[in-house]
Amino acid sequence: MAIVARRFGATDGRVRTPDGGEHYIFGFVDLTGVPEEEIFARRGRAQLPGPLLEADEGDEVFLTLTNLGMPTRPDLDDSHTIHWHGFPNQIPLWDGVPEASLSVPVGRDFVYYYRPRDPGTYMYHCHFEPVEHIQMGMVGPLIVRPALEKRPEFAGRRFAYNDPTTEYDREYLVFVTELDADAHAAVAGVQGFDWTEYRPEYWLLNGRSYPDTVRSGPELPRQPYSGLIFASPGEKVLLRCVNLGYQQHSLTILGITLRVVGVDAQPLRGKNGEDLSYYKNTLYFAGGQTMDVIFTAPEPGVYPLFNRNYHKNTNAGRTFGGMVSEVRVE
């Protein structure tokens, strides 16, 4: 067991799409280790998705949320929260649902406490006006690593769960969302938006739309997670899949079979230890759902990863793009 101390800031910013568009977002920025007199210099630097939060099973996690305010919309004095989506048995005070706990006003801090006991892939998001704030970008990935990795006989090996059959060599985040440019423009322009008219035009993988998904340089500092997946033949690759959009999505990797070993941070094991994992060519997962998927890297080559709903493989319906990336086996 260890103490994990992190600090995130809630603020706004902008992200880019390959067609030259810039889109206003709300989001989080990592303030861990930033001197107190410098934290407000991070205003307006939200990233999409938010910073990765990770811990080991049994750790004590102290996460401070600081509401930095919105420099593009200084009139917008919204409070914010962090809700650990799927965290079992959390008490209301730290659950991030403002109707039952607390929300953080501009210029204030609040410390969340977690004691994770169930390994797997999770997500976090703001639960204050969640329809707007989630779509605007207040989302992020969260990983709890299993205690099995700490046992001496498994030193140096990595597992998705406390199950030796979930061993892997490399892991990658596959975090999918959507973006409705009209909604983001309305919020930036101090205009109301009818959320029943939600019609996304961009489908994002790790906060990016193809071909930005296959870039690995520093060109997108506010969208820091590349969508590229690398492996060597025979390696086992864990994909931590998260859907924090509002639509169901279906992903496939041409030529690669996927073994689903966990859903919603629950290992696929029966009451008596039966292996309930299964193999798929295409993953279907709904908004708010996570999947842990392992594949064995095949022969060298480039294997396309894409959404099987083909209209989601475009940038605003004008150019090829969207929820597309590559698995490169080298």
C-alpha atoms as a PDB file:
ATOM      1  CA  MET A   1       0.000   0.000   0.000  1.00  0.00           C
ATOM      2  CA  ALA A   2       1.204   3.505  -0.825  1.00  0.00           C
ATOM      3  CA  ILE A   3      -0.032   7.070  -0.635  1.00  0.00           C
ATOM      4  CA  VAL A   4      -0.880   8.574  -4.025  1.00  0.00           C
ATOM      5  CA  ALA A   5      -1.201  12.368  -3.967  1.00  0.00           C
ATOM      6  CA  ARG A   6      -2.302  14.153  -7.151  1.00  0.00           C
ATOM      7  CA  ARG A   7      -3.731  17.580  -7.953  1.00  0.00           C
ATOM      8  CA  PHE A   8      -5.862  18.435 -10.975  1.00  0.00           C
ATOM      9  CA  GLY A   9      -7.147  21.820 -12.072  1.00  0.00           C
ATOM     10  CA  ALA A  10     -10.485  22.481 -13.766  1.00  0.00           C
ATOM     11  CA  THR A  11     -10.316  25.111 -16.503  1.00  0.00           C
ATOM     12  CA  ASP A  12     -10.962  25.653 -20.225  1.00  0.00           C
ATOM     13  CA  GLY A  13      -8.917  25.562 -23.432  1.00  0.00           C
ATOM     14  CA  ARG A  14      -9.027  24.641 -27.100  1.00  0.00           C
ATOM     15  CA  VAL A  15      -8.366  21.514 -29.133  1.00  0.00           C
ATOM     16  CA  ARG A  16      -7.633  21.051 -32.822  1.00  0.00           C
ATOM     17  CA  THR A  17      -9.124  18.873 -35.536  1.00  0.00           C
ATOM     18  CA  PRO A  18      -7.239  17.983 -38.756  1.00  0.00           C
ATOM     19  CA  ASP A  19      -9.529  20.091 -40.936  1.00  0.00           C
ATOM     20  CA  GLY A  20      -8.110  23.241 -39.333  1.00  0.00           C
ATOM     21  CA  GLY A  21     -10.887  23.662 -36.787  1.00  0.00           C
ATOM     22  CA  GLU A  22     -10.287  24.833 -33.229  1.00  0.00           C
ATOM     23  CA  HIS A  23     -12.882  23.930 -30.642  1.00  0.00           C
ATOM     24  CA  TYR A  24     -13.485  25.427 -27.214  1.00  0.00           C
ATOM     25  CA  ILE A  25     -13.447  22.889 -24.370  1.00  0.00           C
ATOM     26  CA  PHE A  26     -13.715  22.548 -20.627  1.00  0.00           C
ATOM     27  CA  GLY A  27     -11.272  20.111 -19.085  1.00  0.00           C
ATOM     28  CA  PHE A  28      -8.614  19.236 -16.558  1.00  0.00           C
ATOM     29  CA  VAL A  29      -4.911  20.065 -16.271  1.00  0.00           C
ATOM     30  CA  ASP A  30      -2.320  18.322 -14.090  1.00  0.00           C
ATOM     31  CA  LEU A  31      -1.189  20.550 -11.220  1.00  0.00           C
ATOM     32  CA  THR A  32       0.723  17.847  -9.338  1.00  0.00           C
ATOM     33  CA  GLY A  33       3.950  19.359  -8.039  1.00  0.00           C
ATOM     34  CA  VAL A  34       3.219  22.825  -9.433  1.00  0.00           C
ATOM     35  CA  PRO A  35       4.160  25.549  -6.897  1.00  0.00           C
ATOM     36  CA  GLU A  36       1.140  27.295  -5.408  1.00  0.00           C
ATOM     37  CA  GLU A  37       2.115  30.678  -6.870  1.00  0.00           C
ATOM     38  CA  GLU A  38       2.164  29.173 -10.378  1.00  0.00           C
ATOM     39  CA  ILE A  39      -1.074  27.201 -10.534  1.00  0.00           C
ATOM     40  CA  PHE A  40      -3.178  30.021 -11.993  1.00  0.00           C
ATOM     41  CA  ALA A  41      -0.714  30.299 -14.877  1.00  0.00           C
ATOM     42  CA  ARG A  42      -2.186  26.945 -15.964  1.00  0.00           C
ATOM     43  CA  ARG A  43      -5.611  28.488 -16.600  1.00  0.00           C
ATOM     44  CA  GLY A  44      -6.840  27.953 -20.150  1.00  0.00           C
ATOM     45  CA  ARG A  45      -4.610  24.906 -20.669  1.00  0.00           C
ATOM     46  CA  ALA A  46      -7.129  22.081 -20.320  1.00  0.00           C
ATOM     47  CA  GLN A  47      -6.256  18.842 -22.082  1.00  0.00           C
ATOM     48  CA  LEU A  48      -8.451  16.208 -23.761  1.00  0.00           C
ATOM     49  CA  PRO A  49      -8.744  13.612 -22.310  1.00  0.00           C
ATOM     50  CA  GLY A  50      -7.695  14.729 -18.846  1.00  0.00           C
ATOM     51  CA  PRO A  51      -4.517  13.593 -17.065  1.00  0.00           C
ATOM     52  CA  LEU A  52      -4.170   9.876 -16.374  1.00  0.00           C
ATOM     53  CA  LEU A  53      -4.881   8.940 -12.752  1.00  0.00           C
ATOM     54  CA  GLU A  54      -3.425   5.592 -11.709  1.00  0.00           C
ATOM     55  CA  ALA A  55      -2.933   3.683  -8.481  1.00  0.00           C
ATOM     56  CA  ASP A  56      -2.283   0.186  -7.202  1.00  0.00           C
ATOM     57  CA  GLU A  57      -4.928  -1.928  -5.550  1.00  0.00           C
ATOM     58  CA  GLY A  58      -5.084  -0.967  -1.867  1.00  0.00           C
ATOM     59  CA  ASP A  59      -3.381   2.430  -2.242  1.00  0.00           C
ATOM     60  CA  GLU A  60      -4.740   5.479  -0.485  1.00  0.00           C
ATOM     61  CA  VAL A  61      -5.443   8.110  -3.139  1.00  0.00           C
ATOM     62  CA  PHE A  62      -5.751  11.801  -2.259  1.00  0.00           C
ATOM     63  CA  LEU A  63      -6.835  13.810  -5.314  1.00  0.00           C
ATOM     64  CA  THR A  64      -7.098  17.576  -4.926  1.00  0.00           C
ATOM     65  CA  LEU A  65      -9.352  19.393  -7.401  1.00  0.00           C
ATOM     66  CA  THR A  66      -8.680  23.111  -7.845  1.00  0.00           C
ATOM     67  CA  ASN A  67     -11.218  25.148  -9.807  1.00  0.00           C
ATOM     68  CA  LEU A  68      -9.061  27.579 -11.812  1.00  0.00           C
ATOM     69  CA  GLY A  69     -11.960  29.235 -13.617  1.00  0.00           C
ATOM     70  CA  MET A  70     -12.503  29.810 -17.335  1.00  0.00           C
ATOM     71  CA  PRO A  71     -10.401  32.631 -18.855  1.00  0.00           C
ATOM     72  CA  THR A  72     -12.300  32.475 -22.172  1.00  0.00           C
ATOM     73  CA  ARG A  73     -15.607  32.684 -20.270  1.00  0.00           C
ATOM     74  CA  PRO A  74     -14.839  34.649 -17.067  1.00  0.00           C
ATOM     75  CA  ASP A  75     -18.578  35.139 -16.640  1.00  0.00           C
ATOM     76  CA  LEU A  76     -18.981  31.366 -16.285  1.00  0.00           C
ATOM     77  CA  ASP A  77     -18.585  30.673 -12.569  1.00  0.00           C
ATOM     78  CA  ASP A  78     -19.556  26.995 -12.705  1.00  0.00           C
ATOM     79  CA  SER A  79     -18.511  24.711  -9.902  1.00  0.00           C
ATOM     80  CA  HIS A  80     -16.883  21.383 -10.806  1.00  0.00           C
ATOM     81  CA  THR A  81     -16.431  17.925  -9.343  1.00  0.00           C
ATOM     82  CA  ILE A  82     -14.606  14.666 -10.052  1.00  0.00           C
ATOM     83  CA  HIS A  83     -16.718  11.528 -10.189  1.00  0.00           C
ATOM     84  CA  TRP A  84     -14.836   8.213 -10.323  1.00  0.00           C
ATOM     85  CA  HIS A  85     -17.176   6.418 -12.709  1.00  0.00           C
ATOM     86  CA  GLY A  86     -17.728   2.805 -11.669  1.00  0.00           C
ATOM     87  CA  PHE A  87     -15.978   3.083  -8.281  1.00  0.00           C
ATOM     88  CA  PRO A  88     -17.827   0.630  -6.005  1.00  0.00           C
ATOM     89  CA  ASN A  89     -19.092   1.564  -2.542  1.00  0.00           C
ATOM     90  CA  GLN A  90     -17.850   5.142  -2.551  1.00  0.00           C
ATOM     91  CA  ILE A  91     -19.359   7.289   0.189  1.00  0.00           C
ATOM     92  CA  PRO A  92     -21.333  10.298  -1.120  1.00  0.00           C
ATOM     93  CA  LEU A  93     -18.906  12.947   0.184  1.00  0.00           C
ATOM     94  CA  TRP A  94     -16.216  11.878  -2.302  1.00  0.00           C
ATOM     95  CA  ASP A  95     -18.460  10.609  -5.076  1.00  0.00           C
ATOM     96  CA  GLY A  96     -18.525  13.896  -6.972  1.00  0.00           C
ATOM     97  CA  VAL A  97     -22.310  14.048  -7.449  1.00  0.00           C
ATOM     98  CA  PRO A  98     -23.048  17.584  -6.233  1.00  0.00           C
ATOM     99  CA  GLU A  99     -26.646  16.861  -5.216  1.00  0.00           C
ATOM    100  CA  ALA A 100     -25.328  14.404  -2.603  1.00  0.00           C
ATOM    101  CA  SER A 101     -21.853  15.750  -1.881  1.00  0.00           C
ATOM    102  CA  LEU A 102     -19.881  18.928  -2.618  1.00  0.00           C
ATOM    103  CA  SER A 103     -18.887  20.847  -5.716  1.00  0.00           C
ATOM    104  CA  VAL A 104     -15.846  23.111  -5.995  1.00  0.00           C
ATOM    105  CA  PRO A 105     -16.430  26.836  -6.696  1.00  0.00           C
ATOM    106  CA  VAL A 106     -13.976  28.954  -8.676  1.00  0.00           C
ATOM    107  CA  GLY A 107     -10.789  29.601  -6.728  1.00  0.00           C
ATOM    108  CA  ARG A 108     -11.359  26.799  -4.215  1.00  0.00           C
ATOM    109  CA  ASP A 109      -9.927  23.319  -3.562  1.00  0.00           C
ATOM    110  CA  PHE A 110     -11.427  20.030  -2.474  1.00  0.00           C
ATOM    111  CA  VAL A 111      -9.588  16.799  -1.628  1.00  0.00           C
ATOM    112  CA  TYR A 112     -11.130  13.499  -2.764  1.00  0.00           C
ATOM    113  CA  TYR A 113     -10.157  10.271  -1.002  1.00  0.00           C
ATOM    114  CA  TYR A 114     -10.244   6.812  -2.582  1.00  0.00           C
ATOM    115  CA  ARG A 115      -9.144   3.353  -1.441  1.00  0.00           C
ATOM    116  CA  PRO A 116      -9.351   1.222  -4.609  1.00  0.00           C
ATOM    117  CA  ARG A 117      -9.822  -2.505  -4.002  1.00  0.00           C
ATOM    118  CA  ASP A 118     -10.856  -3.610  -7.490  1.00  0.00           C
ATOM    119  CA  PRO A 119      -8.257  -3.434 -10.291  1.00  0.00           C
ATOM    120  CA  GLY A 120      -9.195  -2.579 -13.848  1.00  0.00           C
ATOM    121  CA  THR A 121      -9.901   0.284 -16.224  1.00  0.00           C
ATOM    122  CA  TYR A 122     -12.128   3.139 -15.082  1.00  0.00           C
ATOM    123  CA  MET A 123     -12.824   6.740 -16.057  1.00  0.00           C
ATOM    124  CA  TYR A 124     -13.481   9.997 -14.253  1.00  0.00           C
ATOM    125  CA  HIS A 125     -15.565  13.014 -15.226  1.00  0.00           C
ATOM    126  CA  CYS A 126     -17.171  16.136 -13.855  1.00  0.00           C
ATOM    127  CA  HIS A 127     -20.668  15.479 -12.503  1.00  0.00           C
ATOM    128  CA  PHE A 128     -21.747  19.129 -12.281  1.00  0.00           C
ATOM    129  CA  GLU A 129     -24.185  19.786 -15.143  1.00  0.00           C
ATOM    130  CA  PRO A 130     -22.801  16.536 -16.603  1.00  0.00           C
ATOM    131  CA  VAL A 131     -24.590  16.633 -19.971  1.00  0.00           C
ATOM    132  CA  GLU A 132     -22.744  19.839 -20.842  1.00  0.00           C
ATOM    133  CA  HIS A 133     -19.501  19.363 -18.927  1.00  0.00           C
ATOM    134  CA  ILE A 134     -18.801  15.819 -20.139  1.00  0.00           C
ATOM    135  CA  GLN A 135     -19.376  16.774 -23.769  1.00  0.00           C
ATOM    136  CA  MET A 136     -17.258  19.883 -23.306  1.00  0.00           C
ATOM    137  CA  GLY A 137     -14.319  17.664 -22.339  1.00  0.00           C
ATOM    138  CA  MET A 138     -14.223  17.178 -18.556  1.00  0.00           C
ATOM    139  CA  VAL A 139     -13.293  13.496 -18.838  1.00  0.00           C
ATOM    140  CA  GLY A 140     -10.210  11.386 -18.180  1.00  0.00           C
ATOM    141  CA  PRO A 141      -8.791   7.857 -17.823  1.00  0.00           C
ATOM    142  CA  LEU A 142      -8.194   6.005 -14.576  1.00  0.00           C
ATOM    143  CA  ILE A 143      -6.309   2.729 -13.987  1.00  0.00           C
ATOM    144  CA  VAL A 144      -6.085   0.529 -10.883  1.00  0.00           C
ATOM    145  CA  ARG A 145      -3.293  -2.042 -11.062  1.00  0.00           C
ATOM    146  CA  PRO A 146      -3.705  -5.466  -9.418  1.00  0.00           C
ATOM    147  CA  ALA A 147      -1.988  -6.641  -6.252  1.00  0.00           C
ATOM    148  CA  LEU A 148      -0.796  -9.719  -8.157  1.00  0.00           C
ATOM    149  CA  GLU A 149       2.024  -7.618  -9.636  1.00  0.00           C
ATOM    150  CA  LYS A 150       3.437  -7.066  -6.128  1.00  0.00           C
ATOM    151  CA  ARG A 151       3.865 -10.741  -5.332  1.00  0.00           C
ATOM    152  CA  PRO A 152       7.547 -11.815  -5.443  1.00  0.00           C
ATOM    153  CA  GLU A 153       6.940 -14.701  -7.840  1.00  0.00           C
ATOM    154  CA  PHE A 154       5.447 -12.268 -10.392  1.00  0.00           C
ATOM    155  CA  ALA A 155       8.029  -9.493 -10.014  1.00  0.00           C
ATOM    156  CA  GLY A 156       8.482  -7.503 -13.213  1.00  0.00           C
ATOM    157  CA  ARG A 157       5.386  -8.983 -14.882  1.00  0.00           C
ATOM    158  CA  ARG A 158       2.194  -7.062 -15.639  1.00  0.00           C
ATOM    159  CA  PHE A 159      -1.429  -8.159 -15.424  1.00  0.00           C
ATOM    160  CA  ALA A 160      -4.793  -6.526 -16.097  1.00  0.00           C
ATOM    161  CA  TYR A 161      -6.387  -8.328 -13.115  1.00  0.00           C
ATOM    162  CA  ASN A 162      -5.438 -10.689 -10.304  1.00  0.00           C
ATOM    163  CA  ASP A 163      -5.410 -13.479 -12.850  1.00  0.00           C
ATOM    164  CA  PRO A 164      -2.210 -14.806 -14.480  1.00  0.00           C
ATOM    165  CA  THR A 165      -4.078 -15.340 -17.769  1.00  0.00           C
ATOM    166  CA  THR A 166      -4.411 -11.533 -18.109  1.00  0.00           C
ATOM    167  CA  GLU A 167      -0.656 -11.007 -18.429  1.00  0.00           C
ATOM    168  CA  TYR A 168       0.499  -8.508 -21.046  1.00  0.00           C
ATOM    169  CA  ASP A 169       3.693  -6.959 -22.409  1.00  0.00           C
ATOM    170  CA  ARG A 170       2.420  -3.521 -23.486  1.00  0.00           C
ATOM    171  CA  GLU A 171      -0.686  -1.474 -22.718  1.00  0.00           C
ATOM    172  CA  TYR A 172      -2.439   1.316 -24.592  1.00  0.00           C
ATOM    173  CA  LEU A 173      -5.340   3.622 -23.938  1.00  0.00           C
ATOM    174  CA  VAL A 174      -8.266   3.644 -26.387  1.00  0.00           C
ATOM    175  CA  PHE A 175     -10.438   6.513 -25.089  1.00  0.00           C
ATOM    176  CA  VAL A 176     -13.352   7.364 -27.383  1.00  0.00           C
ATOM    177  CA  THR A 177     -15.560  10.450 -27.332  1.00  0.00           C
ATOM    178  CA  GLU A 178     -17.526  12.629 -29.751  1.00  0.00           C
ATOM    179  CA  LEU A 179     -17.554  16.364 -30.416  1.00  0.00           C
ATOM    180  CA  ASP A 180     -20.488  18.492 -31.560  1.00  0.00           C
ATOM    181  CA  ALA A 181     -18.862  21.629 -32.979  1.00  0.00           C
ATOM    182  CA  ASP A 182     -22.111  23.626 -32.791  1.00  0.00           C
ATOM    183  CA  ALA A 183     -22.440  22.966 -29.061  1.00  0.00           C
ATOM    184  CA  HIS A 184     -18.847  23.982 -28.355  1.00  0.00           C
ATOM    185  CA  ALA A 185     -19.174  27.136 -30.470  1.00  0.00           C
ATOM    186  CA  ALA A 186     -22.389  28.093 -28.682  1.00  0.00           C
ATOM    187  CA  VAL A 187     -20.789  27.746 -25.255  1.00  0.00           C
ATOM    188  CA  ALA A 188     -17.754  29.775 -26.392  1.00  0.00           C
ATOM    189  CA  GLY A 189     -20.074  32.455 -27.791  1.00  0.00           C
ATOM    190  CA  VAL A 190     -22.166  32.772 -24.619  1.00  0.00           C
ATOM    191  CA  GLN A 191     -25.168  31.235 -26.352  1.00  0.00           C
ATOM    192  CA  GLY A 192     -27.600  28.608 -25.156  1.00  0.00           C
ATOM    193  CA  PHE A 193     -27.608  25.155 -26.702  1.00  0.00           C
ATOM    194  CA  ASP A 194     -30.492  22.678 -26.804  1.00  0.00           C
ATOM    195  CA  TRP A 195     -28.833  19.382 -25.883  1.00  0.00           C
ATOM    196  CA  THR A 196     -31.675  17.415 -27.447  1.00  0.00           C
ATOM    197  CA  GLU A 197     -30.179  18.700 -30.731  1.00  0.00           C
ATOM    198  CA  TYR A 198     -26.857  17.013 -30.022  1.00  0.00           C
ATOM    199  CA  ARG A 199     -25.374  15.961 -33.390  1.00  0.00           C
ATOM    200  CA  PRO A 200     -21.634  15.172 -33.226  1.00  0.00           C
ATOM    201  CA  GLU A 201     -19.533  15.904 -36.300  1.00  0.00           C
ATOM    202  CA  TYR A 202     -16.212  14.607 -34.992  1.00  0.00           C
ATOM    203  CA  TRP A 203     -15.465  11.194 -33.493  1.00  0.00           C
ATOM    204  CA  LEU A 204     -12.339  11.213 -31.382  1.00  0.00           C
ATOM    205  CA  LEU A 205      -9.889   8.546 -30.286  1.00  0.00           C
ATOM    206  CA  ASN A 206      -7.725   9.714 -27.363  1.00  0.00           C
ATOM    207  CA  GLY A 207      -8.992  13.249 -27.969  1.00  0.00           C
ATOM    208  CA  ARG A 208      -7.845  13.247 -31.604  1.00  0.00           C
ATOM    209  CA  SER A 209      -9.305  12.672 -35.043  1.00  0.00           C
ATOM    210  CA  TYR A 210      -7.388  10.870 -37.806  1.00  0.00           C
ATOM    211  CA  PRO A 211      -4.749  11.607 -39.106  1.00  0.00           C
ATOM    212  CA  ASP A 212      -3.795  13.301 -35.829  1.00  0.00           C
ATOM    213  CA  THR A 213      -4.352   9.948 -34.104  1.00  0.00           C
ATOM    214  CA  VAL A 214      -1.199   8.540 -35.735  1.00  0.00           C
ATOM    215  CA  ARG A 215       1.027  11.492 -34.874  1.00  0.00           C
ATOM    216  CA  SER A 216       3.463  10.896 -32.025  1.00  0.00           C
ATOM    217  CA  GLY A 217       5.233  14.246 -31.725  1.00  0.00           C
ATOM    218  CA  PRO A 218       4.549  17.336 -29.589  1.00  0.00           C
ATOM    219  CA  GLU A 219       2.345  19.111 -32.144  1.00  0.00           C
ATOM    220  CA  LEU A 220      -0.824  18.719 -30.033  1.00  0.00           C
ATOM    221  CA  PRO A 221       0.102  19.693 -26.460  1.00  0.00           C
ATOM    222  CA  ARG A 222      -3.547  19.909 -25.350  1.00  0.00           C
ATOM    223  CA  GLN A 223      -4.280  16.481 -26.895  1.00  0.00           C
ATOM    224  CA  PRO A 224      -1.297  14.570 -25.505  1.00  0.00           C
ATOM    225  CA  TYR A 225      -2.318  10.952 -26.129  1.00  0.00           C
ATOM    226  CA  SER A 226      -1.412   9.465 -29.503  1.00  0.00           C
ATOM    227  CA  GLY A 227      -3.645   6.745 -30.918  1.00  0.00           C
ATOM    228  CA  LEU A 228      -0.763   4.685 -32.313  1.00  0.00           C
ATOM    229  CA  ILE A 229      -0.271   1.153 -30.994  1.00  0.00           C
ATOM    230  CA  PHE A 230       3.144  -0.498 -31.353  1.00  0.00           C
ATOM    231  CA  ALA A 231       4.122  -4.119 -30.759  1.00  0.00           C
ATOM    232  CA  SER A 232       6.581  -6.818 -31.752  1.00  0.00           C
ATOM    233  CA  PRO A 233       5.369 -10.184 -33.111  1.00  0.00           C
ATOM    234  CA  GLY A 234       4.160 -12.475 -30.343  1.00  0.00           C
ATOM    235  CA  GLU A 235       3.785  -9.765 -27.702  1.00  0.00           C
ATOM    236  CA  LYS A 236       0.568  -9.563 -25.736  1.00  0.00           C
ATOM    237  CA  VAL A 237      -0.990  -6.097 -25.927  1.00  0.00           C
ATOM    238  CA  LEU A 238      -3.599  -4.806 -23.471  1.00  0.00           C
ATOM    239  CA  LEU A 239      -6.048  -2.226 -24.790  1.00  0.00           C
ATOM    240  CA  ARG A 240      -7.776  -0.242 -22.055  1.00  0.00           C
ATOM    241  CA  CYS A 241     -10.925   0.842 -23.890  1.00  0.00           C
ATOM    242  CA  VAL A 242     -13.087   3.642 -22.481  1.00  0.00           C
ATOM    243  CA  ASN A 243     -16.231   5.172 -23.985  1.00  0.00           C
ATOM    244  CA  LEU A 244     -17.137   8.541 -22.478  1.00  0.00           C
ATOM    245  CA  GLY A 245     -19.158   9.702 -25.445  1.00  0.00           C
ATOM    246  CA  TYR A 246     -22.940   9.634 -25.640  1.00  0.00           C
ATOM    247  CA  GLN A 247     -23.169   7.058 -28.416  1.00  0.00           C
ATOM    248  CA  GLN A 248     -22.440   3.354 -28.737  1.00  0.00           C
ATOM    249  CA  HIS A 249     -19.250   2.707 -30.676  1.00  0.00           C
ATOM    250  CA  SER A 250     -17.894  -0.346 -32.448  1.00  0.00           C
ATOM    251  CA  LEU A 251     -14.159  -0.786 -32.975  1.00  0.00           C
ATOM    252  CA  THR A 252     -12.261  -3.393 -34.962  1.00  0.00           C
ATOM    253  CA  ILE A 253      -8.644  -4.079 -35.895  1.00  0.00           C
ATOM    254  CA  LEU A 254      -8.393  -5.698 -39.302  1.00  0.00           C
ATOM    255  CA  GLY A 255      -6.617  -9.046 -39.107  1.00  0.00           C
ATOM    256  CA  ILE A 256      -6.418  -9.206 -35.298  1.00  0.00           C
ATOM    257  CA  THR A 257      -8.683 -11.169 -32.957  1.00  0.00           C
ATOM    258  CA  LEU A 258      -9.380  -9.555 -29.598  1.00  0.00           C
ATOM    259  CA  ARG A 259      -9.842 -11.348 -26.262  1.00  0.00           C
ATOM    260  CA  VAL A 260     -12.133  -9.482 -23.860  1.00  0.00           C
ATOM    261  CA  VAL A 261     -10.883 -10.189 -20.311  1.00  0.00           C
ATOM    262  CA  GLY A 262     -12.765  -7.512 -18.365  1.00  0.00           C
ATOM    263  CA  VAL A 263     -15.817  -5.273 -18.628  1.00  0.00           C
ATOM    264  CA  ASP A 264     -16.471  -2.258 -16.398  1.00  0.00           C
ATOM    265  CA  ALA A 265     -13.408  -3.099 -14.271  1.00  0.00           C
ATOM    266  CA  GLN A 266     -14.724  -6.590 -13.544  1.00  0.00           C
ATOM    267  CA  PRO A 267     -12.692  -9.636 -14.633  1.00  0.00           C
ATOM    268  CA  LEU A 268     -14.625 -12.134 -16.707  1.00  0.00           C
ATOM    269  CA  ARG A 269     -14.515 -14.996 -14.234  1.00  0.00           C
ATOM    270  CA  GLY A 270     -17.368 -17.120 -12.904  1.00  0.00           C
ATOM    271  CA  LYS A 271     -18.183 -17.739  -9.234  1.00  0.00           C
ATOM    272  CA  ASN A 272     -16.070 -20.886  -9.258  1.00  0.00           C
ATOM    273  CA  GLY A 273     -13.215 -19.403 -11.252  1.00  0.00           C
ATOM    274  CA  GLU A 274     -14.523 -20.326 -14.689  1.00  0.00           C
ATOM    275  CA  ASP A 275     -12.889 -18.411 -17.527  1.00  0.00           C
ATOM    276  CA  LEU A 276     -15.667 -16.287 -19.086  1.00  0.00           C
ATOM    277  CA  SER A 277     -13.390 -14.256 -21.366  1.00  0.00           C
ATOM    278  CA  TYR A 278     -14.355 -14.333 -25.024  1.00  0.00           C
ATOM    279  CA  TYR A 279     -12.956 -13.510 -28.447  1.00  0.00           C
ATOM    280  CA  LYS A 280     -14.319 -10.836 -30.763  1.00  0.00           C
ATOM    281  CA  ASN A 281     -13.416  -9.271 -34.086  1.00  0.00           C
ATOM    282  CA  THR A 282     -15.463  -6.148 -33.292  1.00  0.00           C
ATOM    283  CA  LEU A 283     -16.013  -4.510 -29.902  1.00  0.00           C
ATOM    284  CA  TYR A 284     -19.334  -2.880 -29.099  1.00  0.00           C
ATOM    285  CA  PHE A 285     -19.407  -0.679 -26.025  1.00  0.00           C
ATOM    286  CA  ALA A 286     -21.841   1.916 -24.781  1.00  0.00           C
ATOM    287  CA  GLY A 287     -21.348   5.336 -23.255  1.00  0.00           C
ATOM    288  CA  GLY A 288     -19.901   5.019 -19.757  1.00  0.00           C
ATOM    289  CA  GLN A 289     -18.529   1.515 -20.379  1.00  0.00           C
ATOM    290  CA  THR A 290     -14.965   0.202 -20.254  1.00  0.00           C
ATOM    291  CA  MET A 291     -13.398  -2.958 -21.666  1.00  0.00           C
ATOM    292  CA  ASP A 292     -10.025  -4.590 -21.098  1.00  0.00           C
ATOM    293  CA  VAL A 293      -8.942  -6.401 -24.249  1.00  0.00           C
ATOM    294  CA  ILE A 294      -5.776  -8.415 -24.964  1.00  0.00           C
ATOM    295  CA  PHE A 295      -4.430  -9.495 -28.351  1.00  0.00           C
ATOM    296  CA  THR A 296      -1.305 -11.277 -29.478  1.00  0.00           C
ATOM    297  CA  ALA A 297       0.618  -9.246 -32.032  1.00  0.00           C
ATOM    298  CA  PRO A 298       0.749 -11.052 -35.412  1.00  0.00           C
ATOM    299  CA  GLU A 299       3.362 -10.862 -38.153  1.00  0.00           C
ATOM    300  CA  PRO A 300       4.954  -7.469 -38.930  1.00  0.00           C
ATOM    301  CA  GLY A 301       2.689  -5.039 -40.713  1.00  0.00           C
ATOM    302  CA  VAL A 302       0.229  -2.180 -40.285  1.00  0.00           C
ATOM    303  CA  TYR A 303      -3.211  -3.188 -39.032  1.00  0.00           C
ATOM    304  CA  PRO A 304      -5.969  -0.528 -39.284  1.00  0.00           C
ATOM    305  CA  LEU A 305      -8.042   0.224 -36.188  1.00  0.00           C
ATOM    306  CA  PHE A 306     -11.337   1.940 -36.988  1.00  0.00           C
ATOM    307  CA  ASN A 307     -14.982   2.410 -36.080  1.00  0.00           C
ATOM    308  CA  ARG A 308     -17.277   0.004 -37.921  1.00  0.00           C
ATOM    309  CA  ASN A 309     -19.910   2.758 -38.111  1.00  0.00           C
ATOM    310  CA  TYR A 310     -18.307   4.169 -41.233  1.00  0.00           C
ATOM    311  CA  HIS A 311     -19.895   7.624 -40.995  1.00  0.00           C
ATOM    312  CA  LYS A 312     -17.778   8.082 -37.838  1.00  0.00           C
ATOM    313  CA  ASN A 313     -14.596   7.794 -39.883  1.00  0.00           C
ATOM    314  CA  THR A 314     -14.826  11.349 -41.200  1.00  0.00           C
ATOM    315  CA  ASN A 315     -13.972  14.874 -40.114  1.00  0.00           C
ATOM    316  CA  ALA A 316     -17.287  16.738 -40.187  1.00  0.00           C
ATOM    317  CA  GLY A 317     -18.359  14.581 -43.139  1.00  0.00           C
ATOM    318  CA  ARG A 318     -15.937  16.322 -45.476  1.00  0.00           C
ATOM    319  CA  THR A 319     -12.663  14.368 -45.294  1.00  0.00           C
ATOM    320  CA  PHE A 320     -11.560  10.907 -44.258  1.00  0.00           C
ATOM    321  CA  GLY A 321     -10.662  10.858 -40.571  1.00  0.00           C
ATOM    322  CA  GLY A 322     -12.477  10.368 -37.288  1.00  0.00           C
ATOM    323  CA  MET A 323     -12.092   7.330 -35.081  1.00  0.00           C
ATOM    324  CA  VAL A 324      -9.244   5.704 -37.017  1.00  0.00           C
ATOM    325  CA  SER A 325      -5.732   4.677 -35.983  1.00  0.00           C
ATOM    326  CA  GLU A 326      -3.146   1.928 -36.587  1.00  0.00           C
ATOM    327  CA  VAL A 327      -1.522  -1.039 -34.905  1.00  0.00           C
ATOM    328  CA  ARG A 328       2.082  -1.196 -36.105  1.00  0.00           C
ATOM    329  CA  VAL A 329       3.816  -4.533 -35.556  1.00  0.00           C
ATOM    330  CA  GLU A 330       7.532  -4.107 -36.137  1.00  0.00           C
END
